Protein backbone atom coordinates (compact mmCIF):
# COMPACT_ATOMS: atom_id res chain seq x y z
CA MET A 1 35.47 -35.05 -24.75
CA GLU A 2 33.31 -38.17 -24.77
CA LYS A 3 31.82 -39.33 -21.48
CA ASN A 4 30.15 -42.60 -20.49
CA ILE A 5 26.45 -41.82 -20.83
CA SER A 6 23.76 -44.37 -21.68
CA LEU A 7 20.67 -44.00 -23.84
CA VAL A 8 17.63 -45.78 -22.39
CA TYR A 9 14.44 -46.41 -24.36
CA MET A 10 11.19 -47.52 -22.76
CA VAL A 11 9.75 -49.97 -25.30
CA ALA A 12 7.84 -52.44 -23.13
CA GLY A 13 4.34 -51.21 -23.88
CA MET A 14 1.84 -52.75 -26.29
CA SER A 15 -1.08 -50.50 -27.23
CA SER A 16 -4.61 -51.72 -27.87
CA ARG A 17 -5.27 -48.47 -29.75
CA PHE A 18 -2.43 -49.42 -32.11
CA GLY A 19 -3.90 -52.85 -32.77
CA TRP A 20 -1.45 -54.56 -30.37
CA ARG A 21 1.36 -53.89 -32.82
CA ILE A 22 4.75 -52.61 -31.68
CA LYS A 23 4.52 -48.85 -32.21
CA GLN A 24 8.30 -48.47 -32.35
CA PHE A 25 8.30 -50.54 -35.54
CA ALA A 26 5.87 -48.24 -37.37
CA LYS A 27 7.30 -47.35 -40.78
CA VAL A 28 7.69 -43.60 -40.59
CA TRP A 29 10.69 -42.83 -42.79
CA PRO A 30 10.16 -42.27 -46.51
CA ASN A 31 12.52 -45.25 -47.01
CA ASP A 32 10.37 -47.39 -44.65
CA SER A 33 12.80 -47.42 -41.75
CA THR A 34 11.09 -47.70 -38.39
CA LEU A 35 10.23 -45.07 -35.83
CA ILE A 36 12.84 -46.40 -33.37
CA GLU A 37 15.53 -46.30 -36.07
CA TYR A 38 14.62 -42.72 -36.84
CA SER A 39 14.85 -41.81 -33.16
CA LEU A 40 18.27 -43.45 -32.95
CA SER A 41 19.42 -41.49 -35.99
CA GLN A 42 18.70 -38.32 -34.01
CA ALA A 43 20.22 -39.58 -30.77
CA LEU A 44 23.46 -41.29 -31.75
CA PRO A 45 25.36 -38.22 -33.01
CA ALA A 46 25.54 -37.33 -29.29
CA TRP A 47 28.08 -40.18 -28.73
CA PHE A 48 26.19 -42.29 -26.25
CA SER A 49 28.26 -45.17 -24.88
CA LYS A 50 25.48 -47.74 -24.60
CA ILE A 51 21.87 -48.32 -25.65
CA VAL A 52 19.45 -49.98 -23.24
CA PHE A 53 16.03 -51.16 -24.36
CA ILE A 54 13.49 -51.75 -21.59
CA VAL A 55 11.34 -54.53 -23.02
CA TRP A 56 8.42 -56.74 -22.02
CA LYS A 57 7.80 -60.37 -22.95
CA MET A 58 5.96 -59.31 -26.15
CA THR A 59 8.66 -56.87 -27.31
CA GLU A 60 11.81 -58.62 -26.08
CA TRP A 61 12.39 -60.97 -28.99
CA PRO A 62 11.45 -58.52 -31.79
CA PHE A 63 13.93 -55.96 -30.42
CA LYS A 64 16.67 -58.52 -29.93
CA GLU A 65 16.09 -59.77 -33.45
CA MET A 66 16.36 -56.25 -34.87
CA PHE A 67 19.27 -54.91 -32.79
CA GLY A 68 21.18 -57.87 -31.39
CA ASN A 69 24.09 -56.97 -29.12
CA SER A 70 25.16 -53.80 -30.92
CA TYR A 71 23.84 -51.10 -33.19
CA GLN A 72 26.18 -48.99 -35.28
CA TRP A 73 29.07 -50.32 -33.15
CA ILE A 74 27.41 -49.21 -29.91
CA PRO A 75 26.72 -51.95 -27.31
CA VAL A 76 23.05 -52.80 -26.78
CA GLU A 77 21.63 -54.27 -23.58
CA TYR A 78 18.10 -55.32 -22.64
CA ALA A 79 16.23 -54.87 -19.38
CA LYS A 80 12.97 -56.75 -18.95
CA GLN A 81 9.98 -55.19 -17.22
CA THR A 82 7.77 -57.84 -15.66
CA PHE A 83 4.67 -58.06 -13.51
CA ASP A 84 2.54 -60.79 -11.98
CA GLU A 85 -0.41 -61.13 -14.33
CA ALA A 86 -2.35 -63.01 -11.65
CA ASP A 87 -2.35 -59.85 -9.50
CA ARG A 88 -2.03 -57.06 -12.08
CA ASP A 89 -3.76 -55.99 -15.30
CA ARG A 90 -0.76 -53.96 -16.46
CA PRO A 91 2.84 -53.15 -15.49
CA TRP A 92 3.54 -50.78 -12.60
CA GLY A 93 4.28 -47.72 -14.78
CA THR A 94 7.24 -45.69 -15.97
CA VAL A 95 9.11 -45.70 -12.64
CA ASP A 96 8.91 -49.49 -12.67
CA ALA A 97 10.14 -49.49 -16.26
CA ILE A 98 13.34 -47.58 -15.61
CA CYS A 99 13.97 -49.38 -12.32
CA SER A 100 13.93 -52.59 -14.36
CA ALA A 101 17.14 -51.29 -15.95
CA LEU A 102 19.00 -50.79 -12.65
CA SER A 103 21.45 -53.61 -13.37
CA CYS A 104 22.30 -52.02 -16.75
CA ILE A 105 22.94 -48.50 -15.42
CA ASP A 106 26.36 -47.51 -14.12
CA TRP A 107 26.56 -44.02 -15.65
CA PRO A 108 24.32 -41.01 -16.15
CA PHE A 109 21.67 -41.72 -18.76
CA VAL A 110 19.00 -40.19 -20.95
CA VAL A 111 15.67 -42.03 -20.75
CA CYS A 112 12.77 -41.50 -23.13
CA ASN A 113 9.78 -43.10 -24.81
CA GLY A 114 10.57 -45.38 -27.71
CA ASP A 115 7.47 -44.33 -29.65
CA ASP A 116 8.17 -40.57 -29.68
CA ILE A 117 10.41 -38.48 -31.90
CA TYR A 118 12.13 -35.70 -29.96
CA GLY A 119 14.04 -33.66 -32.55
CA LYS A 120 17.56 -33.36 -33.89
CA ASN A 121 19.03 -31.30 -31.04
CA SER A 122 17.21 -32.79 -28.06
CA PHE A 123 19.50 -35.70 -27.24
CA LYS A 124 22.60 -33.59 -27.75
CA ILE A 125 21.34 -30.98 -25.25
CA LEU A 126 20.79 -33.58 -22.53
CA TYR A 127 23.99 -35.47 -23.32
CA ASN A 128 26.05 -32.28 -23.03
CA HIS A 129 24.43 -31.39 -19.73
CA LEU A 130 25.14 -34.81 -18.20
CA ALA A 131 28.68 -34.81 -19.57
CA ASN A 132 29.40 -31.56 -17.75
CA ASN A 133 27.07 -31.94 -14.75
CA PRO A 134 26.69 -35.67 -14.01
CA ASP A 135 25.23 -35.04 -10.54
CA GLU A 136 22.49 -32.69 -11.76
CA LEU A 137 19.37 -33.96 -13.51
CA CYS A 138 18.03 -32.36 -16.66
CA THR A 139 15.05 -32.39 -18.98
CA LEU A 140 13.51 -30.71 -22.01
CA GLY A 141 10.50 -28.43 -21.99
CA TYR A 142 8.49 -28.49 -25.21
CA ILE A 143 6.32 -25.53 -26.18
CA LEU A 144 2.78 -26.58 -25.34
CA TRP A 145 1.26 -25.09 -28.51
CA ASN A 146 3.51 -27.32 -30.62
CA VAL A 147 2.61 -30.62 -28.93
CA ILE A 148 -1.18 -30.58 -28.67
CA PRO A 149 -3.55 -31.49 -31.51
CA GLU A 150 -5.29 -28.92 -33.66
CA VAL A 151 -8.61 -30.66 -32.97
CA GLY A 152 -9.63 -32.65 -29.91
CA SER A 153 -8.06 -32.94 -26.48
CA THR A 154 -5.00 -34.52 -24.92
CA ASN A 155 -3.20 -34.81 -21.58
CA ARG A 156 0.15 -33.17 -20.93
CA TRP A 157 2.58 -32.91 -18.01
CA ILE A 158 3.15 -29.19 -17.41
CA PHE A 159 6.33 -27.84 -15.81
CA THR A 160 6.50 -25.20 -13.11
CA VAL A 161 9.90 -23.57 -13.54
CA GLU A 162 11.98 -21.14 -11.49
CA ASP A 163 15.28 -19.76 -12.82
CA TRP A 164 15.40 -22.64 -15.34
CA TYR A 165 15.06 -25.32 -12.69
CA VAL A 166 12.04 -27.61 -12.41
CA LYS A 167 9.88 -27.13 -9.33
CA ASN A 168 6.89 -29.26 -10.29
CA ILE A 169 5.56 -31.49 -13.10
CA ASN A 170 1.78 -31.64 -13.01
CA GLU A 171 -0.51 -33.56 -15.33
CA THR A 172 -3.28 -31.53 -16.94
CA ILE A 173 -5.96 -33.59 -18.67
CA TRP A 174 -8.30 -32.89 -21.60
CA ILE A 175 -6.30 -29.89 -22.85
CA GLU A 176 -7.76 -28.30 -25.99
CA LYS A 177 -5.91 -25.83 -28.16
CA ASN A 178 -8.73 -23.28 -28.24
CA LYS A 179 -9.38 -23.48 -24.49
CA LEU A 180 -5.92 -23.06 -22.95
CA SER A 181 -6.98 -20.13 -20.78
CA GLU A 182 -9.62 -22.31 -19.12
CA PHE A 183 -6.76 -24.47 -17.81
CA GLY A 184 -4.70 -21.47 -16.72
CA LEU A 185 -2.20 -22.24 -19.48
CA THR A 186 -0.44 -20.07 -22.03
CA LEU A 187 0.70 -20.86 -25.57
CA ASP A 188 4.35 -20.98 -24.50
CA ALA A 189 3.91 -23.12 -21.37
CA LEU A 190 6.59 -25.79 -21.13
CA CYS A 191 5.50 -29.40 -20.99
CA SER A 192 7.24 -32.73 -20.57
CA MET A 193 7.27 -35.33 -23.32
CA ASN A 194 8.87 -37.86 -20.97
CA ILE A 195 12.55 -37.38 -21.80
CA PHE A 196 14.93 -36.91 -18.86
CA GLY A 197 18.61 -36.92 -18.05
CA LEU A 198 19.10 -38.92 -14.84
CA ASN A 199 21.86 -40.75 -12.96
CA ARG A 200 22.44 -43.88 -10.94
CA LYS A 201 21.88 -42.09 -7.62
CA VAL A 202 18.36 -40.96 -8.50
CA LEU A 203 17.58 -44.35 -10.00
CA GLU A 204 18.39 -45.96 -6.66
CA MET A 205 16.08 -43.44 -4.96
CA LEU A 206 13.31 -44.30 -7.41
CA SER A 207 13.84 -47.98 -6.78
CA GLU A 208 13.23 -47.46 -3.05
CA ILE A 209 10.18 -45.30 -3.76
CA LEU A 210 8.80 -47.96 -6.09
CA ALA A 211 9.17 -50.69 -3.48
CA GLU A 212 7.11 -48.64 -1.01
CA PHE A 213 4.57 -47.76 -3.70
CA LYS A 214 4.01 -51.44 -4.47
CA LYS A 215 3.55 -52.24 -0.77
CA ASP A 216 1.04 -49.41 -0.38
CA HIS A 217 -0.99 -50.45 -3.45
CA VAL A 218 -0.61 -54.21 -3.35
CA TRP A 219 -4.34 -54.79 -3.94
CA ASP A 220 -4.72 -52.32 -6.81
CA ARG A 221 -4.51 -54.10 -10.16
CA ARG A 222 -4.21 -50.98 -12.32
CA ILE A 223 -2.50 -48.12 -10.46
CA GLU A 224 0.84 -47.00 -11.90
CA CYS A 225 3.89 -45.24 -10.49
CA TYR A 226 4.56 -42.30 -12.82
CA LEU A 227 8.04 -40.92 -13.41
CA PRO A 228 7.05 -37.20 -13.48
CA VAL A 229 5.19 -37.57 -10.17
CA GLU A 230 8.07 -39.23 -8.34
CA LEU A 231 10.69 -36.92 -9.83
CA THR A 232 8.61 -33.99 -8.57
CA ASN A 233 8.54 -35.53 -5.08
CA ILE A 234 12.31 -36.00 -5.11
CA ILE A 235 12.81 -32.39 -6.27
CA LYS A 236 10.43 -31.02 -3.62
CA ASN A 237 12.38 -32.91 -0.96
CA LYS A 238 15.49 -31.11 -2.28
CA TRP A 239 17.33 -34.34 -2.85
CA VAL A 240 18.20 -33.34 -6.43
CA ASN A 241 18.05 -30.40 -8.82
CA MET A 242 16.73 -30.66 -12.37
CA LYS A 243 17.77 -28.14 -15.01
CA ILE A 244 15.26 -27.56 -17.79
CA TYR A 245 16.08 -26.56 -21.35
CA SER A 246 13.37 -25.05 -23.52
CA THR A 247 13.31 -26.57 -27.00
CA ARG A 248 11.50 -25.67 -30.18
CA ASP A 249 12.48 -28.98 -31.75
CA GLN A 250 9.62 -30.75 -33.47
CA TRP A 251 8.04 -33.59 -31.50
CA PHE A 252 6.13 -36.41 -33.19
CA GLY A 253 4.24 -39.23 -31.53
CA VAL A 254 2.39 -42.36 -32.64
CA THR A 255 -0.76 -43.36 -30.76
CA ASN A 256 -3.32 -44.63 -33.27
CA PRO A 257 -2.83 -46.65 -36.49
CA ASP A 258 -3.70 -43.59 -38.61
CA ASP A 259 -0.77 -41.74 -37.02
CA GLU A 260 1.72 -43.90 -38.93
CA ALA A 261 1.00 -42.19 -42.26
CA ILE A 262 0.61 -38.78 -40.61
CA VAL A 263 3.95 -38.96 -38.81
CA LYS A 264 5.66 -40.26 -41.94
CA LYS A 265 4.47 -37.17 -43.83
CA GLN A 266 5.46 -34.86 -40.95
CA ILE A 267 8.96 -36.33 -40.81
CA GLU A 268 9.40 -35.97 -44.55
CA GLU A 269 8.43 -32.30 -44.31
CA TYR A 270 10.68 -31.85 -41.26
CA GLU A 271 13.68 -33.36 -43.02
CA ASN A 272 13.12 -31.19 -46.10
CA ASN A 273 13.05 -27.92 -44.12
């Protein structure tokens, strides 16, 4: 049975490492469709009722031009993340991004990055959870070994889990594949790739938290309010529960210009398996 559940993409960011181009428009399909179109092709079989794009002034018009008011007969809405550039060097972070969509959110929703590919089953898993448990949050845990580079280091948000419920989401920086033990990590540790199933109630909580965060850091031009941090605080206060589902789905992400060709090749191989 279909339920009213929204699909929310965070697409406000512009990356200097990507040449100030819109990463979501990277051509990653063999037929030159964009990364965001490929993500939607994985998500929409889950029967979402509405798509919400969280945009910024530099991404608003390009997204509206591409998607208009509907995509594949599904309504599309836009929420605009803003900040005072006289006082800030950057937006206030991922909590600020999703709180920008408060007026668009009436139902449970899945929120994720617009420049990541999460896998064919990922959206369906979260949709099904919210459809059956709208008051309980949910997320996906990706196998750490599968989402860190072969060479070099990266940062990842690592889950602490008890009986398949999230207890903590902690950022670990400079992780290297051949040095996991130095970080107290194992190959099969579960990490967050910033995809969550949330609801209106928790969004209102986050909105209140964000207001206090901005008051407390009014003079800081760069600090950000991170979604995993604040979700952890809400969980620790026992205001909500968050179920975690382990997934072996393939994750792909675009960070640097060279990644466009790499991800295109990875997707082609993934689709042919």
